[in-house]
């Protein structure tokens, strides 16, 4: 579980995130979750794996860090973050914005 939201219905999922070197230094010293472990750490990428329930507060935490982050898996988490960013763009600009894969 991440944060205060929890549900017995949510499965524990494998999440793989890739960070820029600068964001990676932060997440190396301040992990997102207790299950976090490093998969790759070099001069171009910091990649981690977490095993947790993807809750609304975890998604919101990723939004805070998304400028220097890429979701490698699962796809549905990446899609959820894209959806939230598109909603923000629409609210900021007052214009609909569509994204095609």
C-alpha atoms as a PDB file:
ATOM      1  CA  UNK A   1       0.000   0.000   0.000  1.00  0.00           C
ATOM      2  CA  UNK A   2       1.112   3.561  -0.672  1.00  0.00           C
ATOM      3  CA  UNK A   3      -0.174   6.465   1.393  1.00  0.00           C
ATOM      4  CA  UNK A   4      -3.564   6.477   3.088  1.00  0.00           C
ATOM      5  CA  UNK A   5      -5.743   4.893   0.410  1.00  0.00           C
ATOM      6  CA  UNK A   6      -6.020   1.151   0.461  1.00  0.00           C
ATOM      7  CA  UNK A   7      -8.252  -1.508  -0.993  1.00  0.00           C
ATOM      8  CA  UNK A   8      -8.202  -5.245  -0.641  1.00  0.00           C
ATOM      9  CA  UNK A   9      -9.496  -5.373  -4.225  1.00  0.00           C
ATOM     10  CA  UNK A  10      -6.379  -3.742  -5.687  1.00  0.00           C
ATOM     11  CA  UNK A  11      -3.657  -6.197  -6.686  1.00  0.00           C
ATOM     12  CA  UNK A  12       0.000  -5.716  -5.859  1.00  0.00           C
ATOM     13  CA  UNK A  13       1.673  -4.810  -9.142  1.00  0.00           C
ATOM     14  CA  UNK A  14       5.189  -4.548 -10.468  1.00  0.00           C
ATOM     15  CA  UNK A  15       5.998  -0.948 -11.392  1.00  0.00           C
ATOM     16  CA  UNK A  16       9.155  -0.026 -13.300  1.00  0.00           C
ATOM     17  CA  UNK A  17      10.132   3.643 -13.463  1.00  0.00           C
ATOM     18  CA  UNK A  18      13.008   5.333 -15.236  1.00  0.00           C
ATOM     19  CA  UNK A  19      14.367   8.654 -13.987  1.00  0.00           C
ATOM     20  CA  UNK A  20      16.769  11.217 -15.350  1.00  0.00           C
ATOM     21  CA  UNK A  21      20.125  11.250 -13.539  1.00  0.00           C
ATOM     22  CA  UNK A  22      19.110  14.306 -11.481  1.00  0.00           C
ATOM     23  CA  UNK A  23      15.749  12.833 -10.449  1.00  0.00           C
ATOM     24  CA  UNK A  24      17.468   9.509  -9.892  1.00  0.00           C
ATOM     25  CA  UNK A  25      19.806  10.968  -7.287  1.00  0.00           C
ATOM     26  CA  UNK A  26      16.772  12.187  -5.350  1.00  0.00           C
ATOM     27  CA  UNK A  27      14.967   8.845  -5.565  1.00  0.00           C
ATOM     28  CA  UNK A  28      18.095   6.946  -4.646  1.00  0.00           C
ATOM     29  CA  UNK A  29      18.218   8.772  -1.305  1.00  0.00           C
ATOM     30  CA  UNK A  30      14.421   9.164  -0.845  1.00  0.00           C
ATOM     31  CA  UNK A  31      12.743   6.018  -2.211  1.00  0.00           C
ATOM     32  CA  UNK A  32       9.115   6.207  -3.297  1.00  0.00           C
ATOM     33  CA  UNK A  33       8.227   2.996  -1.449  1.00  0.00           C
ATOM     34  CA  UNK A  34       9.796   0.458   0.869  1.00  0.00           C
ATOM     35  CA  UNK A  35       9.729  -2.172  -1.911  1.00  0.00           C
ATOM     36  CA  UNK A  36      11.856  -0.005  -4.230  1.00  0.00           C
ATOM     37  CA  UNK A  37      15.049  -1.505  -5.515  1.00  0.00           C
ATOM     38  CA  UNK A  38      17.441  -0.251  -8.160  1.00  0.00           C
ATOM     39  CA  UNK A  39      17.582  -2.017 -11.521  1.00  0.00           C
ATOM     40  CA  UNK A  40      19.957   0.376 -13.287  1.00  0.00           C
ATOM     41  CA  UNK A  41      22.028   3.316 -12.125  1.00  0.00           C
ATOM     42  CA  UNK A  42      24.394   4.972 -14.566  1.00  0.00           C
ATOM     43  CA  UNK A  43      25.181   8.412 -16.020  1.00  0.00           C
ATOM     44  CA  UNK A  44      22.083   8.442 -18.269  1.00  0.00           C
ATOM     45  CA  UNK A  45      19.355   6.636 -16.296  1.00  0.00           C
ATOM     46  CA  UNK A  46      18.212   5.590 -12.849  1.00  0.00           C
ATOM     47  CA  UNK A  47      15.693   2.737 -13.097  1.00  0.00           C
ATOM     48  CA  UNK A  48      13.772   1.226 -10.201  1.00  0.00           C
ATOM     49  CA  UNK A  49      11.254  -1.511  -9.573  1.00  0.00           C
ATOM     50  CA  UNK A  50       8.511  -1.304  -6.965  1.00  0.00           C
ATOM     51  CA  UNK A  51       5.892  -3.840  -5.932  1.00  0.00           C
ATOM     52  CA  UNK A  52       2.809  -2.139  -4.559  1.00  0.00           C
ATOM     53  CA  UNK A  53      -0.874  -1.409  -4.974  1.00  0.00           C
ATOM     54  CA  UNK A  54      -1.357   1.447  -7.416  1.00  0.00           C
ATOM     55  CA  UNK A  55      -3.512   3.776  -5.334  1.00  0.00           C
ATOM     56  CA  UNK A  56      -4.714   7.320  -6.104  1.00  0.00           C
ATOM     57  CA  UNK A  57      -2.107   8.807  -3.777  1.00  0.00           C
ATOM     58  CA  UNK A  58       0.697   6.849  -5.490  1.00  0.00           C
ATOM     59  CA  UNK A  59      -0.484   8.169  -8.869  1.00  0.00           C
ATOM     60  CA  UNK A  60      -0.523  11.711  -7.452  1.00  0.00           C
ATOM     61  CA  UNK A  61       2.999  11.264  -6.091  1.00  0.00           C
ATOM     62  CA  UNK A  62       4.200  10.198  -9.546  1.00  0.00           C
ATOM     63  CA  UNK A  63       2.620  13.324 -11.048  1.00  0.00           C
ATOM     64  CA  UNK A  64       4.866  15.417  -8.807  1.00  0.00           C
ATOM     65  CA  UNK A  65       7.963  13.689 -10.220  1.00  0.00           C
ATOM     66  CA  UNK A  66       6.813  13.160 -13.808  1.00  0.00           C
ATOM     67  CA  UNK A  67       8.994  15.858 -15.365  1.00  0.00           C
ATOM     68  CA  UNK A  68      12.047  13.661 -14.820  1.00  0.00           C
ATOM     69  CA  UNK A  69      10.362  10.256 -14.981  1.00  0.00           C
ATOM     70  CA  UNK A  70       9.134   7.692 -17.494  1.00  0.00           C
ATOM     71  CA  UNK A  71       6.805   4.784 -16.665  1.00  0.00           C
ATOM     72  CA  UNK A  72       8.150   1.630 -18.258  1.00  0.00           C
ATOM     73  CA  UNK A  73       5.455  -0.629 -16.852  1.00  0.00           C
ATOM     74  CA  UNK A  74       2.599  -1.198 -16.363  1.00  0.00           C
ATOM     75  CA  UNK A  75       1.036   0.423 -19.411  1.00  0.00           C
ATOM     76  CA  UNK A  76      -2.187   1.278 -17.582  1.00  0.00           C
ATOM     77  CA  UNK A  77      -0.239   3.396 -15.083  1.00  0.00           C
ATOM     78  CA  UNK A  78       1.452   5.304 -17.924  1.00  0.00           C
ATOM     79  CA  UNK A  79      -1.967   5.825 -19.546  1.00  0.00           C
ATOM     80  CA  UNK A  80      -3.421   7.116 -16.264  1.00  0.00           C
ATOM     81  CA  UNK A  81      -0.624   9.685 -15.898  1.00  0.00           C
ATOM     82  CA  UNK A  82      -1.057  10.807 -19.515  1.00  0.00           C
ATOM     83  CA  UNK A  83      -4.804  11.177 -18.909  1.00  0.00           C
ATOM     84  CA  UNK A  84      -4.189  13.353 -15.838  1.00  0.00           C
ATOM     85  CA  UNK A  85      -1.643  15.521 -17.668  1.00  0.00           C
ATOM     86  CA  UNK A  86      -4.007  15.992 -20.613  1.00  0.00           C
ATOM     87  CA  UNK A  87      -6.768  17.058 -18.232  1.00  0.00           C
ATOM     88  CA  UNK A  88      -4.382  19.609 -16.714  1.00  0.00           C
ATOM     89  CA  UNK A  89      -3.456  20.952 -20.173  1.00  0.00           C
ATOM     90  CA  UNK A  90      -7.152  21.335 -21.010  1.00  0.00           C
ATOM     91  CA  UNK A  91      -7.823  23.185 -17.764  1.00  0.00           C
ATOM     92  CA  UNK A  92      -4.773  25.436 -18.199  1.00  0.00           C
ATOM     93  CA  UNK A  93      -5.471  26.323 -21.830  1.00  0.00           C
ATOM     94  CA  UNK A  94      -9.256  26.142 -21.877  1.00  0.00           C
ATOM     95  CA  UNK A  95      -8.993  24.004 -25.008  1.00  0.00           C
ATOM     96  CA  UNK A  96      -9.521  20.276 -25.543  1.00  0.00           C
ATOM     97  CA  UNK A  97      -6.359  18.317 -26.154  1.00  0.00           C
ATOM     98  CA  UNK A  98      -6.229  14.836 -27.632  1.00  0.00           C
ATOM     99  CA  UNK A  99      -3.444  12.323 -27.552  1.00  0.00           C
ATOM    100  CA  UNK A 100      -3.028   9.395 -29.900  1.00  0.00           C
ATOM    101  CA  UNK A 101      -0.689   6.515 -29.259  1.00  0.00           C
END
